[in-house]
C-alpha atoms as a PDB file:
ATOM      1  CA  MET A   1       6.403 -55.182  44.282  1.00  0.00           C
ATOM      2  CA  ARG A   2       3.082 -53.594  43.263  1.00  0.00           C
ATOM      3  CA  LYS A   3       4.225 -50.214  44.583  1.00  0.00           C
ATOM      4  CA  PHE A   4       7.489 -50.611  42.658  1.00  0.00           C
ATOM      5  CA  LEU A   5       5.671 -51.302  39.393  1.00  0.00           C
ATOM      6  CA  LEU A   6       3.280 -48.403  39.967  1.00  0.00           C
ATOM      7  CA  GLY A   7       6.262 -46.140  40.545  1.00  0.00           C
ATOM      8  CA  ILE A   8       7.861 -47.227  37.273  1.00  0.00           C
ATOM      9  CA  ALA A   9       4.597 -46.653  35.410  1.00  0.00           C
ATOM     10  CA  ALA A  10       4.242 -43.167  36.899  1.00  0.00           C
ATOM     11  CA  ALA A  11       7.831 -42.311  35.968  1.00  0.00           C
ATOM     12  CA  ALA A  12       7.298 -43.575  32.424  1.00  0.00           C
ATOM     13  CA  THR A  13       4.122 -41.499  32.108  1.00  0.00           C
ATOM     14  CA  ALA A  14       5.930 -38.401  33.328  1.00  0.00           C
ATOM     15  CA  LEU A  15       8.829 -39.023  30.930  1.00  0.00           C
ATOM     16  CA  THR A  16       6.450 -39.511  27.997  1.00  0.00           C
ATOM     17  CA  ALA A  17       4.634 -36.293  28.882  1.00  0.00           C
ATOM     18  CA  ALA A  18       7.927 -34.435  29.166  1.00  0.00           C
ATOM     19  CA  LEU A  19       9.103 -35.744  25.798  1.00  0.00           C
ATOM     20  CA  GLY A  20       5.789 -34.819  24.227  1.00  0.00           C
ATOM     21  CA  LEU A  21       6.051 -31.292  25.645  1.00  0.00           C
ATOM     22  CA  THR A  22       9.605 -30.962  24.341  1.00  0.00           C
ATOM     23  CA  GLN A  23       8.619 -32.134  20.886  1.00  0.00           C
ATOM     24  CA  ALA A  24       5.548 -29.899  20.822  1.00  0.00           C
ATOM     25  CA  SER A  25       7.534 -26.870  21.905  1.00  0.00           C
ATOM     26  CA  ALA A  26      10.186 -27.635  19.281  1.00  0.00           C
ATOM     27  CA  LEU A  27       7.691 -27.610  16.420  1.00  0.00           C
ATOM     28  CA  PRO A  28       7.665 -24.338  14.438  1.00  0.00           C
ATOM     29  CA  VAL A  29       4.624 -22.212  15.050  1.00  0.00           C
ATOM     30  CA  ALA A  30       3.349 -20.322  12.014  1.00  0.00           C
ATOM     31  CA  PRO A  31       2.896 -16.613  12.720  1.00  0.00           C
ATOM     32  CA  LYS A  32      -0.632 -15.325  12.716  1.00  0.00           C
ATOM     33  CA  PRO A  33      -1.449 -13.517   9.466  1.00  0.00           C
ATOM     34  CA  ALA A  34      -1.654  -9.762   9.777  1.00  0.00           C
ATOM     35  CA  PRO A  35      -5.270  -8.628  10.016  1.00  0.00           C
ATOM     36  CA  PRO A  36      -6.382  -6.718   6.924  1.00  0.00           C
ATOM     37  CA  VAL A  37      -6.492  -2.961   7.011  1.00  0.00           C
ATOM     38  CA  ALA A  38      -8.813  -0.826   4.926  1.00  0.00           C
ATOM     39  CA  GLY A  39      -7.893  -1.382   1.282  1.00  0.00           C
ATOM     40  CA  ILE A  40      -5.022  -3.861   1.845  1.00  0.00           C
ATOM     41  CA  PRO A  41      -6.030  -7.534   2.187  1.00  0.00           C
ATOM     42  CA  THR A  42      -2.598  -8.749   3.357  1.00  0.00           C
ATOM     43  CA  PRO A  43      -0.626  -5.869   4.879  1.00  0.00           C
ATOM     44  CA  CYS A  44       2.628  -6.112   6.757  1.00  0.00           C
ATOM     45  CA  THR A  45       2.176  -7.004  10.411  1.00  0.00           C
ATOM     46  CA  ALA A  46       1.574  -3.682  12.149  1.00  0.00           C
ATOM     47  CA  GLN A  47       4.761  -2.196  13.518  1.00  0.00           C
ATOM     48  CA  HIS A  48       2.988   0.984  14.554  1.00  0.00           C
ATOM     49  CA  PRO A  49      -0.712   0.328  15.262  1.00  0.00           C
ATOM     50  CA  TRP A  50      -3.014   3.295  14.660  1.00  0.00           C
ATOM     51  CA  PRO A  51      -3.161   5.380  17.881  1.00  0.00           C
ATOM     52  CA  ALA A  52      -6.937   5.817  17.859  1.00  0.00           C
ATOM     53  CA  ASP A  53      -7.129   7.829  21.082  1.00  0.00           C
ATOM     54  CA  ALA A  54      -4.249  10.210  20.338  1.00  0.00           C
ATOM     55  CA  SER A  55      -4.716  13.843  19.429  1.00  0.00           C
ATOM     56  CA  ILE A  56      -4.074  14.864  15.842  1.00  0.00           C
ATOM     57  CA  SER A  57      -0.935  16.761  16.849  1.00  0.00           C
ATOM     58  CA  ASP A  58       0.395  13.647  18.606  1.00  0.00           C
ATOM     59  CA  ILE A  59      -0.548  11.470  15.618  1.00  0.00           C
ATOM     60  CA  LYS A  60       1.293  13.818  13.280  1.00  0.00           C
ATOM     61  CA  GLN A  61       4.398  13.774  15.486  1.00  0.00           C
ATOM     62  CA  GLN A  62       4.329   9.979  15.797  1.00  0.00           C
ATOM     63  CA  MET A  63       3.850   9.601  12.042  1.00  0.00           C
ATOM     64  CA  GLU A  64       6.935  11.698  11.343  1.00  0.00           C
ATOM     65  CA  GLU A  65       8.970   9.687  13.843  1.00  0.00           C
ATOM     66  CA  ASN A  66       7.735   6.300  12.648  1.00  0.00           C
ATOM     67  CA  PHE A  67       7.840   6.776   8.885  1.00  0.00           C
ATOM     68  CA  HIS A  68      10.547   9.467   8.520  1.00  0.00           C
ATOM     69  CA  LEU A  69       8.465  11.702   6.263  1.00  0.00           C
ATOM     70  CA  GLU A  70       8.074  15.401   6.960  1.00  0.00           C
ATOM     71  CA  LEU A  71       4.405  16.360   7.281  1.00  0.00           C
ATOM     72  CA  THR A  72       2.963  19.746   6.458  1.00  0.00           C
ATOM     73  CA  GLY A  73      -0.245  21.344   5.204  1.00  0.00           C
ATOM     74  CA  ASP A  74      -3.517  22.705   6.574  1.00  0.00           C
ATOM     75  CA  TYR A  75      -5.543  19.474   6.721  1.00  0.00           C
ATOM     76  CA  TRP A  76      -4.117  17.944   9.890  1.00  0.00           C
ATOM     77  CA  SER A  77      -7.298  18.254  11.950  1.00  0.00           C
ATOM     78  CA  ASN A  78     -10.029  16.069  13.447  1.00  0.00           C
ATOM     79  CA  GLU A  79     -12.223  16.790  10.431  1.00  0.00           C
ATOM     80  CA  TYR A  80      -9.854  14.642   8.368  1.00  0.00           C
ATOM     81  CA  ARG A  81      -9.099  11.948  10.975  1.00  0.00           C
ATOM     82  CA  PRO A  82     -10.480   9.098   8.749  1.00  0.00           C
ATOM     83  CA  SER A  83      -8.189  10.171   5.886  1.00  0.00           C
ATOM     84  CA  ILE A  84      -5.217  10.487   8.227  1.00  0.00           C
ATOM     85  CA  LYS A  85      -5.949   6.947   9.463  1.00  0.00           C
ATOM     86  CA  ILE A  86      -5.902   5.624   5.880  1.00  0.00           C
ATOM     87  CA  LEU A  87      -2.543   7.329   5.300  1.00  0.00           C
ATOM     88  CA  TRP A  88      -1.084   5.953   8.565  1.00  0.00           C
ATOM     89  CA  GLU A  89      -2.282   2.398   7.924  1.00  0.00           C
ATOM     90  CA  THR A  90      -1.082   2.482   4.317  1.00  0.00           C
ATOM     91  CA  LEU A  91       2.425   3.494   5.378  1.00  0.00           C
ATOM     92  CA  ASP A  92       2.427   0.895   8.143  1.00  0.00           C
ATOM     93  CA  GLY A  93       0.953  -1.672   5.744  1.00  0.00           C
ATOM     94  CA  VAL A  94       4.157  -1.604   3.655  1.00  0.00           C
ATOM     95  CA  SER A  95       6.524  -1.196   6.615  1.00  0.00           C
ATOM     96  CA  CYS A  96       7.977  -4.720   6.368  1.00  0.00           C
ATOM     97  CA  THR A  97       9.398  -3.721   2.974  1.00  0.00           C
ATOM     98  CA  ASP A  98      11.984  -1.082   2.074  1.00  0.00           C
ATOM     99  CA  TYR A  99       9.506   0.873  -0.079  1.00  0.00           C
ATOM    100  CA  VAL A 100       9.574   4.110   1.920  1.00  0.00           C
ATOM    101  CA  ASP A 101      13.270   3.816   2.836  1.00  0.00           C
ATOM    102  CA  THR A 102      14.183   3.386  -0.837  1.00  0.00           C
ATOM    103  CA  LEU A 103      12.208   6.371  -2.082  1.00  0.00           C
ATOM    104  CA  LEU A 104      13.752   8.477   0.674  1.00  0.00           C
ATOM    105  CA  LYS A 105      17.259   7.402  -0.362  1.00  0.00           C
ATOM    106  CA  LYS A 106      16.519   8.169  -3.999  1.00  0.00           C
ATOM    107  CA  ASN A 107      15.573  11.724  -3.010  1.00  0.00           C
ATOM    108  CA  GLY A 108      18.336  12.427  -0.527  1.00  0.00           C
ATOM    109  CA  GLY A 109      16.017  11.843   2.412  1.00  0.00           C
ATOM    110  CA  ASN A 110      13.921  14.850   1.429  1.00  0.00           C
ATOM    111  CA  VAL A 111      10.390  13.581   0.842  1.00  0.00           C
ATOM    112  CA  GLY A 112       7.344  14.784   2.725  1.00  0.00           C
ATOM    113  CA  ILE A 113       3.572  14.650   2.679  1.00  0.00           C
ATOM    114  CA  SER A 114       1.536  17.816   2.427  1.00  0.00           C
ATOM    115  CA  ALA A 115      -2.108  17.456   3.452  1.00  0.00           C
ATOM    116  CA  SER A 116      -3.603  20.372   1.597  1.00  0.00           C
ATOM    117  CA  ASP A 117      -5.662  21.540  -1.369  1.00  0.00           C
ATOM    118  CA  THR A 118      -4.062  20.424  -4.633  1.00  0.00           C
ATOM    119  CA  ARG A 119      -5.574  23.517  -6.299  1.00  0.00           C
ATOM    120  CA  SER A 120      -6.565  21.313  -9.257  1.00  0.00           C
ATOM    121  CA  TRP A 121      -8.813  18.414 -10.236  1.00  0.00           C
ATOM    122  CA  ALA A 122      -6.230  15.995  -8.788  1.00  0.00           C
ATOM    123  CA  TRP A 123      -6.771  14.225  -5.461  1.00  0.00           C
ATOM    124  CA  GLY A 124      -3.014  13.968  -5.041  1.00  0.00           C
ATOM    125  CA  ASP A 125       0.255  14.712  -6.793  1.00  0.00           C
ATOM    126  CA  TRP A 126       3.995  14.320  -6.446  1.00  0.00           C
ATOM    127  CA  SER A 127       6.085  17.482  -6.344  1.00  0.00           C
ATOM    128  CA  LEU A 128       3.588  19.606  -8.303  1.00  0.00           C
ATOM    129  CA  THR A 129       1.621  21.507  -5.655  1.00  0.00           C
ATOM    130  CA  LYS A 130       4.646  21.467  -3.330  1.00  0.00           C
ATOM    131  CA  PRO A 131       8.123  20.512  -4.621  1.00  0.00           C
ATOM    132  CA  GLY A 132       9.573  17.444  -2.923  1.00  0.00           C
ATOM    133  CA  TYR A 133       6.251  16.512  -1.352  1.00  0.00           C
ATOM    134  CA  VAL A 134       3.398  14.162  -2.093  1.00  0.00           C
ATOM    135  CA  THR A 135       0.335  16.382  -1.753  1.00  0.00           C
ATOM    136  CA  LEU A 136      -2.866  14.629  -0.635  1.00  0.00           C
ATOM    137  CA  ASP A 137      -6.150  16.506  -0.719  1.00  0.00           C
ATOM    138  CA  PHE A 138      -8.038  15.088   2.271  1.00  0.00           C
ATOM    139  CA  GLN A 139     -11.092  17.158   1.380  1.00  0.00           C
ATOM    140  CA  LYS A 140     -11.419  15.188  -1.857  1.00  0.00           C
ATOM    141  CA  PHE A 141     -10.705  11.918   0.001  1.00  0.00           C
ATOM    142  CA  LYS A 142     -14.143  12.220   1.599  1.00  0.00           C
ATOM    143  CA  THR A 143     -15.794  11.080  -1.632  1.00  0.00           C
ATOM    144  CA  ALA A 144     -14.056   7.690  -1.556  1.00  0.00           C
ATOM    145  CA  LEU A 145     -14.656   7.297   2.183  1.00  0.00           C
ATOM    146  CA  GLU A 146     -18.366   7.940   1.726  1.00  0.00           C
ATOM    147  CA  ASN A 147     -18.427   5.168  -0.881  1.00  0.00           C
ATOM    148  CA  ASP A 148     -16.494   2.625   1.230  1.00  0.00           C
ATOM    149  CA  ASP A 149     -13.723   2.668  -1.351  1.00  0.00           C
ATOM    150  CA  GLU A 150     -10.699   2.996   0.914  1.00  0.00           C
ATOM    151  CA  GLY A 151      -8.740   0.765  -1.466  1.00  0.00           C
ATOM    152  CA  ARG A 152      -8.635   3.528  -4.066  1.00  0.00           C
ATOM    153  CA  LEU A 153      -7.131   5.889  -1.497  1.00  0.00           C
ATOM    154  CA  VAL A 154      -4.459   3.303  -0.698  1.00  0.00           C
ATOM    155  CA  ARG A 155      -3.794   3.030  -4.430  1.00  0.00           C
ATOM    156  CA  LEU A 156      -3.584   6.833  -4.697  1.00  0.00           C
ATOM    157  CA  ILE A 157      -1.121   7.182  -1.793  1.00  0.00           C
ATOM    158  CA  ILE A 158       1.153   4.393  -3.037  1.00  0.00           C
ATOM    159  CA  HIS A 159       0.819   5.696  -6.621  1.00  0.00           C
ATOM    160  CA  GLU A 160       2.103   9.158  -5.701  1.00  0.00           C
ATOM    161  CA  LEU A 161       4.884   7.725  -3.551  1.00  0.00           C
ATOM    162  CA  GLY A 162       5.637   5.499  -6.549  1.00  0.00           C
ATOM    163  CA  HIS A 163       6.529   8.584  -8.598  1.00  0.00           C
ATOM    164  CA  SER A 164       8.989   9.483  -5.866  1.00  0.00           C
ATOM    165  CA  TRP A 165      10.382   5.910  -5.874  1.00  0.00           C
ATOM    166  CA  ASN A 166      10.750   6.210  -9.666  1.00  0.00           C
ATOM    167  CA  SER A 167      12.442   9.628  -9.520  1.00  0.00           C
ATOM    168  CA  ASP A 168      15.799   8.153 -10.585  1.00  0.00           C
ATOM    169  CA  ARG A 169      14.428   7.059 -13.978  1.00  0.00           C
ATOM    170  CA  GLY A 170      16.383   9.797 -15.784  1.00  0.00           C
ATOM    171  CA  SER A 171      19.614   7.859 -15.164  1.00  0.00           C
ATOM    172  CA  GLU A 172      18.064   4.788 -16.869  1.00  0.00           C
ATOM    173  CA  PRO A 173      18.690   2.268 -14.057  1.00  0.00           C
ATOM    174  CA  PRO A 174      18.252  -1.426 -14.990  1.00  0.00           C
ATOM    175  CA  TYR A 175      14.816  -1.727 -13.385  1.00  0.00           C
ATOM    176  CA  TRP A 176      13.538   1.194 -15.473  1.00  0.00           C
ATOM    177  CA  ARG A 177      14.869  -0.209 -18.735  1.00  0.00           C
ATOM    178  CA  GLU A 178      13.192  -3.511 -17.862  1.00  0.00           C
ATOM    179  CA  PHE A 179       9.900  -1.784 -17.064  1.00  0.00           C
ATOM    180  CA  GLN A 180       9.863   0.199 -20.307  1.00  0.00           C
ATOM    181  CA  LYS A 181      10.358  -3.035 -22.233  1.00  0.00           C
ATOM    182  CA  LEU A 182       7.587  -4.659 -20.181  1.00  0.00           C
ATOM    183  CA  GLN A 183       5.197  -1.789 -20.869  1.00  0.00           C
ATOM    184  CA  ARG A 184       5.771  -2.098 -24.585  1.00  0.00           C
ATOM    185  CA  SER A 185       4.833  -5.776 -24.457  1.00  0.00           C
ATOM    186  CA  GLN A 186       2.051  -5.674 -21.829  1.00  0.00           C
ATOM    187  CA  GLY A 187       0.420  -2.474 -23.054  1.00  0.00           C
ATOM    188  CA  THR A 188      -2.154  -0.316 -21.280  1.00  0.00           C
ATOM    189  CA  PHE A 189      -2.536  -1.255 -17.628  1.00  0.00           C
ATOM    190  CA  SER A 190      -5.262   1.137 -16.519  1.00  0.00           C
ATOM    191  CA  LYS A 191      -7.587   3.684 -18.053  1.00  0.00           C
ATOM    192  CA  TYR A 192      -5.959   6.381 -15.971  1.00  0.00           C
ATOM    193  CA  ALA A 193      -2.372   5.578 -16.973  1.00  0.00           C
ATOM    194  CA  GLY A 194      -3.161   5.188 -20.658  1.00  0.00           C
ATOM    195  CA  SER A 195       0.022   5.093 -22.733  1.00  0.00           C
ATOM    196  CA  SER A 196       2.161   7.017 -20.222  1.00  0.00           C
ATOM    197  CA  VAL A 197       4.999   4.786 -19.021  1.00  0.00           C
ATOM    198  CA  THR A 198       5.540   6.794 -15.812  1.00  0.00           C
ATOM    199  CA  GLU A 199       1.845   6.693 -14.914  1.00  0.00           C
ATOM    200  CA  THR A 200       1.716   2.993 -15.774  1.00  0.00           C
ATOM    201  CA  PHE A 201       4.587   2.369 -13.359  1.00  0.00           C
ATOM    202  CA  ALA A 202       2.928   4.346 -10.563  1.00  0.00           C
ATOM    203  CA  ASP A 203      -0.457   2.680 -11.132  1.00  0.00           C
ATOM    204  CA  ALA A 204       1.055  -0.823 -11.332  1.00  0.00           C
ATOM    205  CA  VAL A 205       2.661  -0.153  -7.944  1.00  0.00           C
ATOM    206  CA  GLY A 206      -0.397   1.573  -6.465  1.00  0.00           C
ATOM    207  CA  TYR A 207      -2.878  -1.152  -7.417  1.00  0.00           C
ATOM    208  CA  TYR A 208      -0.416  -3.838  -6.254  1.00  0.00           C
ATOM    209  CA  VAL A 209      -0.820  -2.626  -2.672  1.00  0.00           C
ATOM    210  CA  GLY A 210      -4.374  -1.279  -2.956  1.00  0.00           C
ATOM    211  CA  ARG A 211      -5.831  -4.616  -4.078  1.00  0.00           C
ATOM    212  CA  CYS A 212      -9.262  -3.684  -2.664  1.00  0.00           C
ATOM    213  CA  ALA A 213      -9.589  -0.721  -5.006  1.00  0.00           C
ATOM    214  CA  LEU A 214     -12.737  -0.925  -7.096  1.00  0.00           C
ATOM    215  CA  ASN A 215     -12.031  -2.220 -10.639  1.00  0.00           C
ATOM    216  CA  ASN A 216      -8.449  -3.165  -9.790  1.00  0.00           C
ATOM    217  CA  PRO A 217      -6.777  -4.203 -13.091  1.00  0.00           C
ATOM    218  CA  TYR A 218      -5.005  -7.105 -11.360  1.00  0.00           C
ATOM    219  CA  ASP A 219      -8.377  -8.740 -10.648  1.00  0.00           C
ATOM    220  CA  THR A 220      -8.755  -9.440 -14.371  1.00  0.00           C
ATOM    221  CA  GLY A 221      -5.746 -11.762 -14.431  1.00  0.00           C
ATOM    222  CA  LYS A 222      -4.383 -10.023 -17.545  1.00  0.00           C
ATOM    223  CA  PHE A 223      -1.405  -8.287 -15.996  1.00  0.00           C
ATOM    224  CA  SER A 224       0.754 -10.959 -14.373  1.00  0.00           C
ATOM    225  CA  GLY A 225       3.820  -9.373 -16.026  1.00  0.00           C
ATOM    226  CA  TYR A 226       3.293  -6.065 -14.233  1.00  0.00           C
ATOM    227  CA  TYR A 227       2.421  -7.890 -11.019  1.00  0.00           C
ATOM    228  CA  GLU A 228       5.605  -9.994 -11.013  1.00  0.00           C
ATOM    229  CA  PHE A 229       7.727  -6.966 -11.892  1.00  0.00           C
ATOM    230  CA  VAL A 230       6.395  -4.944  -8.956  1.00  0.00           C
ATOM    231  CA  LYS A 231       6.626  -7.940  -6.642  1.00  0.00           C
ATOM    232  CA  ASP A 232      10.280  -8.598  -7.480  1.00  0.00           C
ATOM    233  CA  ASN A 233      11.641  -5.087  -8.080  1.00  0.00           C
ATOM    234  CA  VAL A 234       9.697  -2.858  -5.706  1.00  0.00           C
ATOM    235  CA  PHE A 235       8.485  -4.976  -2.775  1.00  0.00           C
ATOM    236  CA  ASP A 236      11.124  -7.734  -2.666  1.00  0.00           C
ATOM    237  CA  GLY A 237       8.594 -10.568  -2.854  1.00  0.00           C
ATOM    238  CA  LYS A 238       6.011  -9.256  -0.384  1.00  0.00           C
ATOM    239  CA  GLU A 239       2.441  -9.642  -1.673  1.00  0.00           C
ATOM    240  CA  PHE A 240      -0.492  -7.621  -0.361  1.00  0.00           C
ATOM    241  CA  GLY A 241      -3.264  -9.777  -1.758  1.00  0.00           C
ATOM    242  CA  PRO A 242      -3.915 -12.873  -3.866  1.00  0.00           C
ATOM    243  CA  ALA A 243      -2.397 -13.651  -7.247  1.00  0.00           C
ATOM    244  CA  PRO A 244      -3.643 -11.790 -10.328  1.00  0.00           C
ATOM    245  CA  GLY A 245      -7.015 -13.085 -11.427  1.00  0.00           C
ATOM    246  CA  GLU A 246      -8.101 -13.870  -7.862  1.00  0.00           C
ATOM    247  CA  LYS A 247     -10.400 -11.276  -6.371  1.00  0.00           C
ATOM    248  CA  PRO A 248      -9.399 -10.400  -2.808  1.00  0.00           C
ATOM    249  CA  ASN A 249     -11.787 -10.632   0.100  1.00  0.00           C
ATOM    250  CA  CYS A 250     -12.683  -6.982   0.600  1.00  0.00           C
ATOM    251  CA  ALA A 251     -15.608  -4.911   1.733  1.00  0.00           C
ATOM    252  CA  THR A 252     -17.631  -4.081  -1.365  1.00  0.00           C
ATOM    253  CA  PRO A 253     -17.309  -0.424  -2.397  1.00  0.00           C
ATOM    254  CA  LYS A 254     -20.260   1.359  -3.892  1.00  0.00           C
ATOM    255  CA  ARG A 255     -20.113   1.053  -7.656  1.00  0.00           C
ATOM    256  CA  GLY A 256     -19.987   4.202  -9.702  1.00  0.00           C
ATOM    257  CA  ALA A 257     -17.890   5.990  -7.092  1.00  0.00           C
ATOM    258  CA  GLU A 258     -15.714   8.778  -8.429  1.00  0.00           C
ATOM    259  CA  GLU A 259     -12.155   7.593  -8.894  1.00  0.00           C
ATOM    260  CA  PRO A 260      -9.368   9.525  -7.140  1.00  0.00           C
ATOM    261  CA  ARG A 261      -7.313  11.351  -9.730  1.00  0.00           C
ATOM    262  CA  PRO A 262      -3.558  11.528  -9.213  1.00  0.00           C
ATOM    263  CA  GLY A 263      -0.927  13.553 -10.895  1.00  0.00           C
ATOM    264  CA  LYS A 264      -0.718  16.144 -13.584  1.00  0.00           C
ATOM    265  CA  PRO A 265      -3.027  16.372 -16.611  1.00  0.00           C
ATOM    266  CA  THR A 266      -0.996  14.922 -19.476  1.00  0.00           C
ATOM    267  CA  ASP A 267      -2.649  14.179 -22.816  1.00  0.00           C
ATOM    268  CA  ALA A 268      -3.577  10.690 -21.633  1.00  0.00           C
ATOM    269  CA  LYS A 269      -5.098  12.087 -18.450  1.00  0.00           C
ATOM    270  CA  ALA A 270      -6.993  14.779 -20.282  1.00  0.00           C
ATOM    271  CA  LYS A 271      -8.527  12.106 -22.520  1.00  0.00           C
ATOM    272  CA  TRP A 272      -9.421  10.036 -19.447  1.00  0.00           C
ATOM    273  CA  ILE A 273     -11.183  13.034 -17.883  1.00  0.00           C
ATOM    274  CA  SER A 274     -13.045  13.656 -21.132  1.00  0.00           C
ATOM    275  CA  ASP A 275     -14.128  10.009 -21.311  1.00  0.00           C
ATOM    276  CA  LEU A 276     -15.195  10.082 -17.670  1.00  0.00           C
ATOM    277  CA  ALA A 277     -17.355  13.121 -18.332  1.00  0.00           C
ATOM    278  CA  GLY A 278     -18.843  11.452 -21.424  1.00  0.00           C
ATOM    279  CA  GLU A 279     -17.653  14.213 -23.728  1.00  0.00           C
END
């Protein structure tokens, strides 16, 4: 009788353990948050981790295959490996969204990145130095890297790609009409963009991803309208950092670092340069 009761107890224990295992395995397991990359507090989970040990030629080939952008220019060399890494991780950091796919579609699939001298004060531009390409001047990138301000480079890359994403504005699509109305009500977003609606769009998008950029306007909490617009219209709800007004957890850049300068010198940009120089 004692053996019989012990057997029942053992069976009950085993059944309880089995049920517990089944219930535990049935519970949803939250995915681990993606580790931050330089300049982006909450990037997409890496689909293409940075190939640290690869040669630059292999990295360039993999980047073209992974992100579907044609790469050209003279700056694809080991001297600029840190800048190339920032570019790779920025593209991969938005890879769970359709950001790059959309800008490619809007330009017939013909968008590339030229790593070369912009031949101007700009650190980057869209379709100015080389038509159909975002040009990034990796030589100038060194200034931000030396000041631990990778977030501003993320902002610059996404900003220039933002001009490409916005290249259909001439047909007045609904999102662009909405943004122009928003800009009239929200006003100046950044010192760089000034009153230019196209630069405001590109900067609102660039700073949305590059939340670690020094003096990010979103940190002030004043621009929730721009933030929500970019969140809903450009990145389909994906957020790359905390809500406006909350400062992200980032490495602290050195204050007073020179800000990367995108684009073409419009009147607003010329005034910004003059103000920066204290003229």
